[in-house]
Amino acid sequence: MSIPRVIIAGLNGGSGKTIVSLGLCRAWTRAGRNVKPFKKGPDYIDARWLALATGNPATNLDPYLVSAQVMRSLFVTAGKGYDGAVIEGNRGLYDGKDVTGSCSTAEVARQLDTPVVLVMNCTKMTRTAAALVGGMAAFEPDLNLAGVVLNQTANERHRGVLRAAIEQYTDVPVLGALPRMRSNPIPERHMGLWSDTEMHDSRSPLDAVADFLCDNADVERIWQIARQVPAADSALIPDLWDMLPADAAAGPVRIGYVRDAALWFYYEENLEALRRAGAELVELTLLDDAPWPELHGLYLGGGFPETLAERLSANIAARARVKSLSEAGMPVYAECGGFMYLGRTLRYGGVEYPMADVFPVCTTVHERPQGLGYVEARVVEDNPFHATGTRVRGHEFHYSRAVAYEGESVRHAFRMERGEGMGEDADGMIVRNTFAGYTHLFAPGEPHWAVNFVRAAARYRDAEAD
């Protein structure tokens, strides 16, 4: 793990770590470095922007979803061949899922032996900033807090007082002092940043963020910090894919996955796990009625189906095709936004839109989150993807809630032990060989999923051939 690396962490959520992470990725890339971006925690949108900033795919790291051994293997495997790595943290540096800080950004920093640059919002703060920085540096002494970037500073006098106080009372260097941005080049919405598919020019705001950071922070000094990592023999850490099961089906198995402006929440590791298990993947869209090739399985990821509900609903041919494939017994796996598409209707902005009608439910988008955070579930119903009795870990972030139509019954494969799911301790709606729920899973942490999916696709393929 000798790759130069740094974690950009926040004093708290909303501190500005995403702006600093994107700016740093873009600035280092423009300087000719081949940068690998990582995002701590379950996240699709920030990871997408990090990938755009570098031109390289982003990889998620999360101690809740994978073991320490798997995370180290994931980091080394994903980081091979790059000049350096930027890891964007989440929430506050020491914030985890419990009082001990388990699964925090700090835990990732320790497991990967990575220096941390802290971003803190300094609005209406001067000398207190030094107390906060000193406390953060001393809170867990085995953490390498290598520097701080001051954000939301008012003027030169404010920046001078902040810098002097931190330098006098702590040993933590100030690496930058960012003035207030007049406007965020990358606008936000209820689930975070906009996706790049909703902006006409996604490169321009990233260059603006990089210019802003270069004008107000020492990006080359941060590079030198990233290079000062302990030497380690990466050869002693196994390749991620050597650790996970591979069970290629006999003959070709083709699984389609929808990636368009409506559904695009996919971990690349999930797709790679399917390939390693023996699937040929085909990228599809639900936004036009172009014919699909012969398929043996279908994967519908998350996304923003509500913002394109009118187009999805108007594509009657695609809705009928998906329903027909499910009714024919094809294995279909859907997460969150994909589940919303499989419902009978989707209600958004006071309008109810017909969907694929695989499940007799209406999903309604609310103003506040209906499920947010880590998930753990026990499998209580047979389905092709998760064996009964298995415990599955994942995450959820959804503003919609599903309600079955009167007189209709539904079955759930998951009994929730942590998280909200579909309410009443249930998630993972099932019918025939179709599974759909609000839980997003990460294949390196649930290695059975890809193998079971491909096996189910092979069974469907063979049954269709008979």
Protein backbone atom coordinates (compact mmCIF):
# COMPACT_ATOMS: atom_id res chain seq x y z
CA MET A 1 0.00 0.00 0.00
CA SER A 2 2.79 2.42 -0.89
CA ILE A 3 0.59 4.45 -3.27
CA PRO A 4 0.56 8.16 -2.23
CA ARG A 5 -2.77 8.78 -0.57
CA VAL A 6 -4.70 11.22 1.58
CA ILE A 7 -8.13 11.28 3.20
CA ILE A 8 -10.14 14.49 3.02
CA ALA A 9 -12.30 14.47 6.15
CA GLY A 10 -14.74 16.93 7.68
CA LEU A 11 -15.25 18.31 11.14
CA ASN A 12 -18.91 17.56 10.47
CA GLY A 13 -21.28 17.02 7.58
CA GLY A 14 -21.46 20.11 5.38
CA SER A 15 -17.92 21.20 6.22
CA GLY A 16 -16.88 21.44 2.57
CA LYS A 17 -14.94 18.19 2.17
CA THR A 18 -16.65 17.38 -1.13
CA ILE A 19 -15.55 20.69 -2.67
CA VAL A 20 -11.99 20.15 -1.42
CA SER A 21 -11.94 16.52 -2.60
CA LEU A 22 -13.24 17.39 -6.07
CA GLY A 23 -10.91 20.36 -6.36
CA LEU A 24 -7.90 18.33 -5.29
CA CYS A 25 -8.71 15.47 -7.65
CA ARG A 26 -9.16 17.84 -10.56
CA ALA A 27 -6.07 19.94 -9.73
CA TRP A 28 -3.77 16.92 -9.40
CA THR A 29 -5.20 15.44 -12.60
CA ARG A 30 -4.60 18.67 -14.50
CA ALA A 31 -1.02 18.58 -13.19
CA GLY A 32 -0.51 15.33 -15.08
CA ARG A 33 -1.02 12.84 -12.24
CA ASN A 34 -3.11 9.71 -12.72
CA VAL A 35 -5.37 9.96 -9.66
CA LYS A 36 -7.57 7.19 -8.26
CA PRO A 37 -10.60 8.51 -6.36
CA PHE A 38 -12.22 6.71 -3.44
CA LYS A 39 -15.32 7.57 -1.44
CA LYS A 40 -15.69 6.45 2.15
CA GLY A 41 -19.12 5.12 2.89
CA PRO A 42 -22.07 4.10 0.73
CA ASP A 43 -22.48 6.82 -1.87
CA TYR A 44 -23.17 7.01 -5.61
CA ILE A 45 -23.41 10.71 -6.42
CA ASP A 46 -20.20 12.02 -4.83
CA ALA A 47 -18.40 8.99 -6.26
CA ARG A 48 -19.69 9.85 -9.74
CA TRP A 49 -18.35 13.40 -9.47
CA LEU A 50 -14.99 12.17 -8.14
CA ALA A 51 -14.76 9.93 -11.18
CA LEU A 52 -15.50 12.86 -13.49
CA ALA A 53 -12.88 14.99 -11.74
CA THR A 54 -10.14 12.44 -12.42
CA GLY A 55 -11.35 10.57 -15.48
CA ASN A 56 -11.02 7.36 -13.45
CA PRO A 57 -13.72 5.21 -11.80
CA ALA A 58 -14.30 5.83 -8.11
CA THR A 59 -14.30 3.01 -5.55
CA ASN A 60 -16.25 2.98 -2.29
CA LEU A 61 -14.65 1.97 1.01
CA ASP A 62 -16.78 1.16 4.03
CA PRO A 63 -15.89 -0.84 7.17
CA TYR A 64 -19.55 -1.73 7.75
CA LEU A 65 -20.02 -3.32 4.36
CA VAL A 66 -16.71 -5.21 4.20
CA SER A 67 -14.14 -6.59 6.64
CA ALA A 68 -10.81 -4.87 7.27
CA GLN A 69 -9.03 -7.53 5.20
CA VAL A 70 -11.39 -7.12 2.25
CA MET A 71 -11.16 -3.32 2.43
CA ARG A 72 -7.35 -3.40 2.30
CA SER A 73 -7.50 -5.79 -0.66
CA LEU A 74 -10.09 -3.60 -2.34
CA PHE A 75 -7.92 -0.50 -1.88
CA VAL A 76 -4.74 -2.17 -3.17
CA THR A 77 -6.52 -3.85 -6.11
CA ALA A 78 -8.33 -0.68 -7.16
CA GLY A 79 -5.25 1.52 -6.69
CA LYS A 80 -2.82 -0.48 -8.82
CA GLY A 81 -1.18 1.57 -11.57
CA TYR A 82 -2.18 5.01 -10.26
CA ASP A 83 0.12 7.85 -9.16
CA GLY A 84 -1.90 8.69 -6.08
CA ALA A 85 -5.25 8.36 -4.35
CA VAL A 86 -7.75 10.78 -2.83
CA ILE A 87 -10.25 9.32 -0.36
CA GLU A 88 -13.23 11.53 0.43
CA GLY A 89 -14.59 10.85 3.93
CA ASN A 90 -18.16 11.16 5.09
CA ARG A 91 -19.82 13.04 7.94
CA GLY A 92 -17.48 14.08 10.76
CA LEU A 93 -14.06 12.46 11.01
CA TYR A 94 -14.88 10.41 14.11
CA ASP A 95 -18.59 9.87 13.44
CA GLY A 96 -19.48 6.20 13.10
CA LYS A 97 -22.46 3.98 13.70
CA ASP A 98 -22.04 3.93 17.49
CA VAL A 99 -20.38 5.69 20.44
CA THR A 100 -17.06 3.94 19.78
CA GLY A 101 -16.89 5.43 16.28
CA SER A 102 -16.93 2.10 14.46
CA CYS A 103 -17.13 2.46 10.68
CA SER A 104 -15.97 6.09 10.84
CA THR A 105 -13.68 7.89 8.42
CA ALA A 106 -11.03 7.73 11.16
CA GLU A 107 -11.30 3.93 11.17
CA VAL A 108 -10.65 3.87 7.41
CA ALA A 109 -7.62 6.14 7.93
CA ARG A 110 -6.18 3.75 10.52
CA GLN A 111 -6.89 0.58 8.54
CA LEU A 112 -5.26 2.04 5.42
CA ASP A 113 -2.52 3.94 7.32
CA THR A 114 -3.46 7.16 5.56
CA PRO A 115 -2.84 10.82 6.54
CA VAL A 116 -5.92 12.96 7.09
CA VAL A 117 -6.55 16.53 5.95
CA LEU A 118 -9.42 18.03 7.94
CA VAL A 119 -11.84 20.54 6.40
CA MET A 120 -13.70 22.75 8.86
CA ASN A 121 -16.37 25.39 8.42
CA CYS A 122 -15.10 28.48 10.24
CA THR A 123 -18.22 30.63 10.01
CA LYS A 124 -18.36 33.05 12.98
CA MET A 125 -15.32 31.41 14.59
CA THR A 126 -11.78 32.56 15.39
CA ARG A 127 -9.69 31.25 18.31
CA THR A 128 -12.15 28.45 18.97
CA ALA A 129 -10.92 26.89 15.75
CA ALA A 130 -7.60 26.13 17.45
CA ALA A 131 -9.36 24.33 20.30
CA LEU A 132 -11.33 22.24 17.82
CA VAL A 133 -8.27 21.35 15.76
CA GLY A 134 -6.26 20.51 18.89
CA GLY A 135 -9.07 18.33 20.17
CA MET A 136 -9.44 16.51 16.86
CA ALA A 137 -5.69 15.83 16.75
CA ALA A 138 -5.63 14.43 20.29
CA PHE A 139 -8.95 12.56 20.35
CA GLU A 140 -7.52 9.35 18.88
CA PRO A 141 -3.74 9.52 19.16
CA ASP A 142 -3.07 6.82 16.56
CA LEU A 143 -4.60 8.99 13.84
CA ASN A 144 -2.32 11.06 11.59
CA LEU A 145 -3.99 14.48 11.32
CA ALA A 146 -1.60 15.97 8.78
CA GLY A 147 -3.24 19.34 8.14
CA VAL A 148 -6.38 21.45 8.10
CA VAL A 149 -8.18 23.44 5.41
CA LEU A 150 -10.25 26.33 6.73
CA ASN A 151 -13.53 26.84 4.89
CA GLN A 152 -16.16 29.59 4.75
CA THR A 153 -13.76 32.30 5.94
CA ALA A 154 -15.02 35.89 5.81
CA ASN A 155 -12.01 38.01 4.80
CA GLU A 156 -8.22 38.35 5.06
CA ARG A 157 -8.37 39.47 8.69
CA HIS A 158 -10.53 36.48 9.63
CA ARG A 159 -8.18 34.12 7.82
CA GLY A 160 -5.16 35.65 9.53
CA VAL A 161 -6.59 35.26 13.03
CA LEU A 162 -7.64 31.67 12.34
CA ARG A 163 -4.26 30.70 10.94
CA ALA A 164 -2.32 32.39 13.78
CA ALA A 165 -4.44 30.73 16.48
CA ILE A 166 -4.12 27.24 15.03
CA GLU A 167 -0.39 27.60 14.46
CA GLN A 168 0.17 28.95 17.99
CA TYR A 169 -1.87 26.39 19.91
CA THR A 170 -1.49 23.24 17.78
CA ASP A 171 1.11 21.40 15.71
CA VAL A 172 -1.35 20.93 12.83
CA PRO A 173 -0.37 22.92 9.72
CA VAL A 174 -2.93 25.10 7.95
CA LEU A 175 -2.93 23.99 4.32
CA GLY A 176 -5.51 26.41 3.01
CA ALA A 177 -8.10 29.02 3.88
CA LEU A 178 -11.09 29.14 1.56
CA PRO A 179 -13.30 32.21 1.26
CA ARG A 180 -17.04 31.83 1.01
CA MET A 181 -18.09 30.74 -2.46
CA ARG A 182 -20.67 33.04 -3.97
CA SER A 183 -22.45 30.00 -5.39
CA ASN A 184 -21.77 26.28 -5.52
CA PRO A 185 -20.72 25.36 -9.09
CA ILE A 186 -22.37 21.98 -8.54
CA PRO A 187 -25.97 22.48 -7.34
CA GLU A 188 -27.57 20.22 -4.75
CA ARG A 189 -30.95 18.56 -4.33
CA HIS A 190 -32.70 16.39 -1.75
CA MET A 191 -30.37 13.38 -2.18
CA GLY A 192 -27.14 15.40 -2.51
CA LEU A 193 -25.36 16.84 -5.52
CA TRP A 194 -27.02 16.85 -8.91
CA SER A 195 -25.86 14.10 -11.21
CA ASP A 196 -23.66 15.04 -14.14
CA THR A 197 -26.39 13.78 -16.50
CA GLU A 198 -28.52 16.76 -15.42
CA MET A 199 -25.89 19.37 -16.29
CA HIS A 200 -25.00 20.44 -19.83
CA ASP A 201 -21.26 20.76 -19.06
CA SER A 202 -20.02 18.75 -16.08
CA ARG A 203 -16.33 19.57 -16.71
CA SER A 204 -16.70 23.33 -16.35
CA PRO A 205 -17.82 23.33 -12.69
CA LEU A 206 -15.05 20.89 -11.79
CA ASP A 207 -12.43 23.17 -13.31
CA ALA A 208 -13.97 26.08 -11.41
CA VAL A 209 -13.68 24.13 -8.15
CA ALA A 210 -10.06 23.21 -8.92
CA ASP A 211 -9.20 26.85 -9.67
CA PHE A 212 -10.84 27.91 -6.41
CA LEU A 213 -8.81 25.38 -4.41
CA CYS A 214 -5.52 26.16 -6.15
CA ASP A 215 -6.01 29.89 -5.47
CA ASN A 216 -6.63 29.34 -1.76
CA ALA A 217 -4.84 26.14 -0.69
CA ASP A 218 -1.43 24.55 -1.14
CA VAL A 219 -2.32 21.56 -3.31
CA GLU A 220 1.34 20.67 -3.87
CA ARG A 221 1.99 20.55 -0.13
CA ILE A 222 -0.96 18.17 0.20
CA TRP A 223 0.69 16.01 -2.49
CA GLN A 224 3.88 15.87 -0.41
CA ILE A 225 1.80 14.79 2.61
CA ALA A 226 0.18 12.08 0.48
CA ARG A 227 3.62 10.79 -0.48
CA GLN A 228 4.73 10.47 3.15
CA VAL A 229 2.96 7.16 3.74
CA PRO A 230 4.59 4.11 5.33
CA ALA A 231 6.19 1.68 2.92
CA ALA A 232 4.30 -1.60 2.75
CA ASP A 233 4.58 -4.72 0.64
CA SER A 234 1.40 -4.77 -1.42
CA ALA A 235 2.34 -8.27 -2.60
CA LEU A 236 1.39 -9.52 0.87
CA ILE A 237 -2.17 -8.25 0.41
CA PRO A 238 -4.25 -10.57 -1.80
CA ASP A 239 -6.04 -9.33 -4.88
CA LEU A 240 -9.70 -8.64 -4.09
CA TRP A 241 -10.99 -10.95 -6.78
CA ASP A 242 -8.84 -13.83 -5.59
CA MET A 243 -10.68 -13.60 -2.27
CA LEU A 244 -14.18 -13.78 -3.75
CA PRO A 245 -15.90 -16.85 -5.17
CA ALA A 246 -16.15 -17.36 -8.91
CA ASP A 247 -18.55 -19.95 -10.28
CA ALA A 248 -18.87 -19.41 -14.00
CA ALA A 249 -21.99 -20.89 -15.49
CA ALA A 250 -21.57 -23.37 -18.33
CA GLY A 251 -21.95 -21.48 -21.57
CA PRO A 252 -22.94 -17.82 -22.09
CA VAL A 253 -25.14 -16.10 -19.52
CA ARG A 254 -26.21 -12.59 -20.48
CA ILE A 255 -27.44 -10.16 -17.81
CA GLY A 256 -28.75 -6.75 -18.79
CA TYR A 257 -28.44 -3.76 -16.51
CA VAL A 258 -30.22 -0.45 -17.00
CA ARG A 259 -27.89 2.55 -16.95
CA ASP A 260 -29.47 5.76 -18.15
CA ALA A 261 -30.46 9.15 -16.75
CA ALA A 262 -33.17 7.56 -14.58
CA LEU A 263 -31.30 4.57 -13.13
CA TRP A 264 -27.54 4.77 -12.74
CA PHE A 265 -26.69 3.91 -9.10
CA TYR A 266 -24.32 0.97 -9.52
CA TYR A 267 -21.16 0.01 -7.72
CA GLU A 268 -18.65 -0.98 -10.37
CA GLU A 269 -17.59 -3.81 -8.05
CA ASN A 270 -21.13 -5.24 -8.29
CA LEU A 271 -20.88 -5.31 -12.08
CA GLU A 272 -17.39 -6.77 -11.97
CA ALA A 273 -18.52 -9.44 -9.50
CA LEU A 274 -21.21 -10.51 -11.99
CA ARG A 275 -18.61 -10.70 -14.75
CA ARG A 276 -16.27 -12.74 -12.56
CA ALA A 277 -19.14 -15.09 -11.76
CA GLY A 278 -19.65 -15.76 -15.46
CA ALA A 279 -22.00 -13.09 -16.80
CA GLU A 280 -21.77 -11.12 -19.98
CA LEU A 281 -23.22 -7.70 -19.12
CA VAL A 282 -25.28 -5.62 -21.52
CA GLU A 283 -26.05 -1.96 -20.82
CA LEU A 284 -29.69 -1.02 -21.42
CA THR A 285 -32.04 1.95 -21.13
CA LEU A 286 -35.69 2.35 -20.16
CA LEU A 287 -35.96 5.76 -21.81
CA ASP A 288 -36.46 4.56 -25.40
CA ASP A 289 -38.12 1.56 -27.03
CA ALA A 290 -35.09 0.19 -28.86
CA PRO A 291 -35.13 -3.64 -28.88
CA TRP A 292 -33.11 -5.53 -26.29
CA PRO A 293 -30.92 -8.54 -27.04
CA GLU A 294 -31.70 -11.98 -25.65
CA LEU A 295 -31.26 -11.81 -21.88
CA HIS A 296 -31.09 -14.36 -19.08
CA GLY A 297 -31.23 -11.87 -16.19
CA LEU A 298 -31.99 -8.21 -15.51
CA TYR A 299 -30.46 -5.81 -12.95
CA LEU A 300 -32.17 -2.49 -12.17
CA GLY A 301 -30.08 -0.17 -10.00
CA GLY A 302 -31.12 2.92 -8.10
CA GLY A 303 -31.35 6.48 -9.32
CA PHE A 304 -33.92 9.22 -9.80
CA PRO A 305 -36.90 7.63 -11.58
CA GLU A 306 -39.18 10.28 -10.08
CA THR A 307 -37.48 13.10 -12.03
CA LEU A 308 -38.05 11.22 -15.29
CA ALA A 309 -41.33 9.56 -14.34
CA GLU A 310 -43.23 11.06 -17.28
CA ARG A 311 -40.74 9.66 -19.83
CA LEU A 312 -40.57 6.28 -18.10
CA SER A 313 -44.35 6.05 -18.01
CA ALA A 314 -44.73 7.13 -21.62
CA ASN A 315 -42.46 4.29 -22.78
CA ILE A 316 -45.22 1.68 -22.73
CA ALA A 317 -43.17 -0.81 -24.75
CA ALA A 318 -40.36 -0.88 -22.16
CA ARG A 319 -42.80 -1.22 -19.26
CA ALA A 320 -44.55 -4.13 -20.96
CA ARG A 321 -41.20 -5.76 -21.81
CA VAL A 322 -39.96 -5.69 -18.21
CA LYS A 323 -43.26 -7.03 -16.88
CA SER A 324 -43.24 -9.82 -19.46
CA LEU A 325 -39.67 -10.84 -18.56
CA SER A 326 -40.58 -11.01 -14.89
CA GLU A 327 -43.72 -13.03 -15.59
CA ALA A 328 -41.65 -15.44 -17.71
CA GLY A 329 -39.54 -16.24 -14.65
CA MET A 330 -36.38 -14.37 -15.61
CA PRO A 331 -34.28 -13.48 -12.52
CA VAL A 332 -34.72 -9.74 -11.99
CA TYR A 333 -32.93 -7.84 -9.22
CA ALA A 334 -33.89 -4.24 -8.43
CA GLU A 335 -32.61 -1.75 -5.87
CA CYS A 336 -34.49 1.36 -4.68
CA GLY A 337 -35.15 3.36 -7.87
CA GLY A 338 -35.33 0.10 -9.81
CA PHE A 339 -37.92 -1.13 -7.33
CA MET A 340 -39.93 2.07 -7.84
CA TYR A 341 -40.02 1.31 -11.57
CA LEU A 342 -41.32 -2.19 -10.89
CA GLY A 343 -44.31 -0.90 -8.94
CA ARG A 344 -47.74 -0.39 -10.45
CA THR A 345 -47.53 3.40 -10.11
CA LEU A 346 -45.14 6.11 -8.94
CA ARG A 347 -46.56 9.25 -7.33
CA TYR A 348 -44.43 12.40 -7.53
CA GLY A 349 -45.40 16.06 -7.32
CA GLY A 350 -49.07 15.18 -6.96
CA VAL A 351 -49.13 13.16 -10.20
CA GLU A 352 -49.43 9.37 -10.38
CA TYR A 353 -47.51 7.72 -13.22
CA PRO A 354 -48.05 4.12 -14.42
CA MET A 355 -44.93 1.97 -14.12
CA ALA A 356 -44.10 -1.66 -14.97
CA ASP A 357 -46.74 -3.19 -12.66
CA VAL A 358 -44.61 -6.14 -11.55
CA PHE A 359 -45.61 -5.46 -7.93
CA PRO A 360 -49.10 -4.20 -6.96
CA VAL A 361 -47.77 -1.16 -5.07
CA CYS A 362 -47.67 2.60 -5.40
CA THR A 363 -44.40 4.28 -4.40
CA THR A 364 -44.91 7.87 -3.26
CA VAL A 365 -42.02 10.36 -3.05
CA HIS A 366 -42.11 12.40 0.17
CA GLU A 367 -40.35 15.61 1.20
CA ARG A 368 -38.31 13.90 3.93
CA PRO A 369 -36.24 10.72 3.89
CA GLN A 370 -38.20 7.54 4.56
CA GLY A 371 -35.06 5.47 5.12
CA LEU A 372 -31.45 6.52 5.61
CA GLY A 373 -28.35 4.68 6.82
CA TYR A 374 -26.92 1.21 7.25
CA VAL A 375 -29.10 -1.86 6.90
CA GLU A 376 -28.89 -5.40 8.20
CA ALA A 377 -31.50 -7.99 7.29
CA ARG A 378 -32.16 -11.67 7.79
CA VAL A 379 -33.45 -13.61 4.76
CA VAL A 380 -36.74 -15.27 5.68
CA GLU A 381 -38.23 -16.20 2.28
CA ASP A 382 -36.83 -18.27 -0.57
CA ASN A 383 -35.52 -16.29 -3.54
CA PRO A 384 -32.85 -16.89 -6.19
CA PHE A 385 -30.35 -14.33 -4.84
CA HIS A 386 -30.07 -14.78 -1.06
CA ALA A 387 -30.37 -18.12 0.74
CA THR A 388 -32.88 -18.32 3.57
CA GLY A 389 -31.18 -17.70 6.91
CA THR A 390 -28.44 -15.52 5.41
CA ARG A 391 -27.75 -12.14 7.00
CA VAL A 392 -27.23 -9.33 4.48
CA ARG A 393 -25.67 -5.93 5.13
CA GLY A 394 -26.27 -2.90 2.96
CA HIS A 395 -27.53 0.67 3.07
CA GLU A 396 -30.60 2.71 2.16
CA PHE A 397 -31.38 6.31 1.24
CA HIS A 398 -34.86 6.86 -0.10
CA TYR A 399 -37.54 9.51 -0.02
CA SER A 400 -40.25 7.19 -1.28
CA ARG A 401 -42.48 4.74 0.54
CA ALA A 402 -44.34 1.84 -1.04
CA VAL A 403 -47.94 0.95 -0.19
CA ALA A 404 -49.75 -2.08 -1.61
CA TYR A 405 -53.04 -1.49 -3.35
CA GLU A 406 -56.13 -2.46 -1.39
CA GLY A 407 -56.88 -6.15 -1.67
CA GLU A 408 -53.39 -6.98 -2.91
CA SER A 409 -50.85 -9.03 -0.97
CA VAL A 410 -47.06 -8.94 -1.24
CA ARG A 411 -44.23 -11.11 0.09
CA HIS A 412 -40.96 -9.91 1.57
CA ALA A 413 -37.69 -11.83 1.69
CA PHE A 414 -35.97 -9.58 4.25
CA ARG A 415 -36.72 -9.22 7.94
CA MET A 416 -35.01 -5.97 8.93
CA GLU A 417 -32.77 -6.05 12.00
CA ARG A 418 -31.36 -2.59 11.27
CA GLY A 419 -32.85 0.04 8.98
CA GLU A 420 -36.29 0.98 7.71
CA GLY A 421 -36.71 -0.84 4.40
CA MET A 422 -40.35 -0.85 3.33
CA GLY A 423 -41.58 -0.43 6.87
CA GLU A 424 -42.89 -2.93 9.40
CA ASP A 425 -39.40 -4.52 9.56
CA ALA A 426 -39.62 -5.77 5.97
CA ASP A 427 -37.82 -5.25 2.69
CA GLY A 428 -37.02 -7.23 -0.43
CA MET A 429 -40.35 -7.73 -2.16
CA ILE A 430 -40.47 -10.96 -4.17
CA VAL A 431 -42.62 -12.46 -6.87
CA ARG A 432 -41.57 -15.41 -9.04
CA ASN A 433 -37.80 -14.84 -9.61
CA THR A 434 -37.99 -11.07 -9.18
CA PHE A 435 -36.49 -9.44 -6.07
CA ALA A 436 -36.80 -5.71 -5.36
CA GLY A 437 -36.12 -3.60 -2.30
CA TYR A 438 -34.74 -0.37 -0.88
CA THR A 439 -31.57 -2.09 0.32
CA HIS A 440 -28.44 -1.44 -1.74
CA LEU A 441 -25.77 -4.09 -1.33
CA PHE A 442 -22.02 -4.03 -2.06
CA ALA A 443 -20.91 -7.24 -3.76
CA PRO A 444 -17.45 -7.55 -2.11
CA GLY A 445 -19.24 -7.70 1.24
CA GLU A 446 -21.94 -10.11 0.04
CA PRO A 447 -20.01 -12.45 -2.27
CA HIS A 448 -22.90 -14.93 -2.56
CA TRP A 449 -25.05 -12.44 -4.49
CA ALA A 450 -23.28 -12.40 -7.86
CA VAL A 451 -22.75 -16.17 -7.92
CA ASN A 452 -26.42 -16.83 -7.09
CA PHE A 453 -27.58 -14.29 -9.68
CA VAL A 454 -25.54 -15.96 -12.43
CA ARG A 455 -26.69 -19.44 -11.39
CA ALA A 456 -30.32 -18.28 -11.54
CA ALA A 457 -29.70 -16.77 -14.98
CA ALA A 458 -28.18 -20.06 -16.15
CA ARG A 459 -31.23 -21.98 -14.93
CA TYR A 460 -33.52 -19.59 -16.80
CA ARG A 461 -31.38 -19.88 -19.93
CA ASP A 462 -31.53 -23.69 -19.82
CA ALA A 463 -35.27 -23.73 -19.16
CA GLU A 464 -35.87 -21.43 -22.14
CA ALA A 465 -33.74 -23.72 -24.33
CA ASP A 466 -35.78 -26.83 -23.48
